Amino acid sequence: MLERFESDPLCEPFLEPVDLAMFPDYDEHVNNAMDLGTVRQKIEDKSNKGYREEVQFARDMRSVFTF
């Protein structure tokens, strides 16, 4: 599913974290910032910092597209 989103041209703005230098008030408007690149890092993380349950992945994916 993540690969599908990563390859979709409409998802390009969601591939990396928002640049706070360009949008300094972003954190004031978005409570749980998430992006597809961070989701990918968590999937590939072999330590306890990555996803341990599917529900964590699902929560982050929803966070990418909501605010």
N, C-alpha and C. Protein backbone atom coordinates (compact mmCIF):
# COMPACT_ATOMS: atom_id res chain seq x y z
N MET A 1 0.82 -1.18 0.00
CA MET A 1 0.00 0.00 0.00
C MET A 1 0.88 1.26 0.00
N LEU A 2 1.91 1.26 0.81
CA LEU A 2 2.79 2.42 0.88
C LEU A 2 3.45 2.68 -0.48
N GLU A 3 3.88 1.63 -1.14
CA GLU A 3 4.51 1.78 -2.47
C GLU A 3 3.54 2.42 -3.46
N ARG A 4 2.29 2.07 -3.37
CA ARG A 4 1.27 2.65 -4.26
C ARG A 4 1.19 4.16 -4.05
N PHE A 5 1.14 4.58 -2.80
CA PHE A 5 1.08 6.01 -2.50
C PHE A 5 2.37 6.71 -2.91
N GLU A 6 3.51 6.10 -2.65
CA GLU A 6 4.79 6.72 -2.98
C GLU A 6 4.95 6.94 -4.48
N SER A 7 4.34 6.08 -5.28
CA SER A 7 4.48 6.19 -6.74
C SER A 7 3.41 7.06 -7.39
N ASP A 8 2.41 7.46 -6.65
CA ASP A 8 1.33 8.27 -7.19
C ASP A 8 1.77 9.74 -7.26
N PRO A 9 1.73 10.36 -8.43
CA PRO A 9 2.14 11.76 -8.56
C PRO A 9 1.35 12.71 -7.66
N LEU A 10 0.11 12.38 -7.35
CA LEU A 10 -0.69 13.25 -6.49
C LEU A 10 -0.20 13.24 -5.04
N CYS A 11 0.58 12.24 -4.68
CA CYS A 11 1.09 12.13 -3.30
C CYS A 11 2.46 12.78 -3.13
N GLU A 12 3.01 13.35 -4.19
CA GLU A 12 4.34 13.96 -4.11
C GLU A 12 4.50 14.94 -2.94
N PRO A 13 3.50 15.78 -2.65
CA PRO A 13 3.68 16.71 -1.52
C PRO A 13 3.78 16.02 -0.16
N PHE A 14 3.43 14.73 -0.11
CA PHE A 14 3.41 14.00 1.15
C PHE A 14 4.61 13.07 1.32
N LEU A 15 5.58 13.13 0.41
CA LEU A 15 6.71 12.22 0.46
C LEU A 15 7.73 12.56 1.55
N GLU A 16 7.83 13.82 1.91
CA GLU A 16 8.82 14.27 2.89
C GLU A 16 8.14 15.20 3.90
N PRO A 17 8.76 15.39 5.06
CA PRO A 17 8.19 16.32 6.03
C PRO A 17 8.09 17.74 5.45
N VAL A 18 7.14 18.48 5.93
CA VAL A 18 6.97 19.87 5.50
C VAL A 18 8.19 20.68 5.94
N ASP A 19 8.67 21.50 5.05
CA ASP A 19 9.82 22.36 5.33
C ASP A 19 9.34 23.55 6.18
N LEU A 20 9.72 23.54 7.46
CA LEU A 20 9.26 24.59 8.36
C LEU A 20 9.88 25.94 8.05
N ALA A 21 10.98 25.96 7.31
CA ALA A 21 11.55 27.24 6.87
C ALA A 21 10.63 27.92 5.86
N MET A 22 9.96 27.10 5.05
CA MET A 22 9.03 27.65 4.05
C MET A 22 7.64 27.91 4.64
N PHE A 23 7.26 27.10 5.62
CA PHE A 23 5.94 27.21 6.24
C PHE A 23 6.10 27.23 7.76
N PRO A 24 6.57 28.35 8.31
CA PRO A 24 6.92 28.40 9.73
C PRO A 24 5.75 28.19 10.70
N ASP A 25 4.54 28.45 10.26
CA ASP A 25 3.40 28.27 11.16
C ASP A 25 2.69 26.92 10.97
N TYR A 26 3.30 26.03 10.22
CA TYR A 26 2.70 24.72 9.93
C TYR A 26 2.34 23.98 11.22
N ASP A 27 3.26 23.95 12.18
CA ASP A 27 3.02 23.23 13.43
C ASP A 27 1.84 23.80 14.22
N GLU A 28 1.51 25.05 13.98
CA GLU A 28 0.38 25.66 14.67
C GLU A 28 -0.96 25.15 14.13
N HIS A 29 -0.95 24.63 12.91
CA HIS A 29 -2.18 24.21 12.26
C HIS A 29 -2.33 22.69 12.16
N VAL A 30 -1.24 21.97 12.27
CA VAL A 30 -1.28 20.51 12.13
C VAL A 30 -0.80 19.88 13.43
N ASN A 31 -1.66 19.07 14.03
CA ASN A 31 -1.34 18.49 15.34
C ASN A 31 -0.33 17.36 15.27
N ASN A 32 -0.53 16.42 14.38
CA ASN A 32 0.33 15.24 14.30
C ASN A 32 0.91 15.13 12.89
N ALA A 33 1.93 15.90 12.62
CA ALA A 33 2.53 15.91 11.29
C ALA A 33 3.12 14.53 10.97
N MET A 34 2.85 14.06 9.78
CA MET A 34 3.36 12.76 9.33
C MET A 34 3.51 12.84 7.82
N ASP A 35 4.46 12.09 7.29
CA ASP A 35 4.68 12.04 5.85
C ASP A 35 5.05 10.62 5.46
N LEU A 36 4.97 10.32 4.17
CA LEU A 36 5.22 8.96 3.70
C LEU A 36 6.68 8.55 3.89
N GLY A 37 7.61 9.48 3.82
CA GLY A 37 9.02 9.16 4.05
C GLY A 37 9.27 8.68 5.48
N THR A 38 8.62 9.33 6.42
CA THR A 38 8.75 8.92 7.82
C THR A 38 8.11 7.56 8.04
N VAL A 39 6.97 7.31 7.40
CA VAL A 39 6.34 5.99 7.48
C VAL A 39 7.30 4.93 6.95
N ARG A 40 7.93 5.21 5.81
CA ARG A 40 8.89 4.27 5.20
C ARG A 40 10.04 4.00 6.18
N GLN A 41 10.58 5.03 6.82
CA GLN A 41 11.66 4.86 7.78
C GLN A 41 11.24 3.98 8.94
N LYS A 42 10.02 4.16 9.42
CA LYS A 42 9.54 3.35 10.54
C LYS A 42 9.38 1.89 10.14
N ILE A 43 8.97 1.65 8.90
CA ILE A 43 8.84 0.26 8.42
C ILE A 43 10.21 -0.40 8.36
N GLU A 44 11.20 0.33 7.88
CA GLU A 44 12.53 -0.24 7.70
C GLU A 44 13.35 -0.27 8.99
N ASP A 45 12.90 0.40 10.04
CA ASP A 45 13.61 0.46 11.31
C ASP A 45 13.57 -0.92 11.99
N LYS A 46 14.72 -1.47 12.27
CA LYS A 46 14.80 -2.80 12.89
C LYS A 46 14.84 -2.73 14.41
N SER A 47 14.92 -1.52 14.97
CA SER A 47 14.93 -1.39 16.43
C SER A 47 13.48 -1.31 16.93
N ASN A 48 13.33 -1.06 18.18
CA ASN A 48 11.99 -0.94 18.78
C ASN A 48 11.33 0.39 18.45
N LYS A 49 12.00 1.25 17.69
CA LYS A 49 11.43 2.55 17.36
C LYS A 49 10.48 2.49 16.17
N GLY A 50 10.49 1.39 15.43
CA GLY A 50 9.62 1.24 14.27
C GLY A 50 8.24 0.75 14.67
N TYR A 51 7.50 0.27 13.70
CA TYR A 51 6.16 -0.23 13.98
C TYR A 51 6.23 -1.62 14.60
N ARG A 52 5.48 -1.80 15.66
CA ARG A 52 5.38 -3.11 16.30
C ARG A 52 4.03 -3.75 16.04
N GLU A 53 3.06 -2.91 15.65
CA GLU A 53 1.71 -3.41 15.36
C GLU A 53 1.16 -2.71 14.12
N GLU A 54 0.30 -3.42 13.41
CA GLU A 54 -0.29 -2.86 12.19
C GLU A 54 -1.08 -1.59 12.48
N VAL A 55 -1.71 -1.53 13.63
CA VAL A 55 -2.52 -0.37 13.98
C VAL A 55 -1.67 0.90 14.04
N GLN A 56 -0.41 0.80 14.39
CA GLN A 56 0.49 1.96 14.40
C GLN A 56 0.73 2.47 12.99
N PHE A 57 0.94 1.55 12.06
CA PHE A 57 1.10 1.91 10.65
C PHE A 57 -0.17 2.59 10.13
N ALA A 58 -1.33 2.01 10.41
CA ALA A 58 -2.59 2.56 9.95
C ALA A 58 -2.82 3.96 10.51
N ARG A 59 -2.49 4.17 11.77
CA ARG A 59 -2.66 5.48 12.39
C ARG A 59 -1.80 6.52 11.68
N ASP A 60 -0.54 6.17 11.41
CA ASP A 60 0.35 7.12 10.73
C ASP A 60 -0.11 7.40 9.31
N MET A 61 -0.56 6.39 8.60
CA MET A 61 -1.05 6.61 7.24
C MET A 61 -2.24 7.56 7.23
N ARG A 62 -3.15 7.41 8.18
CA ARG A 62 -4.27 8.34 8.26
C ARG A 62 -3.77 9.75 8.57
N SER A 63 -2.75 9.83 9.42
CA SER A 63 -2.22 11.15 9.80
C SER A 63 -1.59 11.89 8.63
N VAL A 64 -1.07 11.16 7.66
CA VAL A 64 -0.44 11.81 6.50
C VAL A 64 -1.45 12.70 5.78
N PHE A 65 -2.70 12.25 5.70
CA PHE A 65 -3.69 12.93 4.88
C PHE A 65 -4.74 13.69 5.68
N THR A 66 -4.58 13.78 6.99
CA THR A 66 -5.52 14.55 7.81
C THR A 66 -4.76 15.54 8.67
N PHE A 67 -5.46 16.50 9.21
CA PHE A 67 -4.81 17.45 10.12
C PHE A 67 -5.75 17.83 11.22
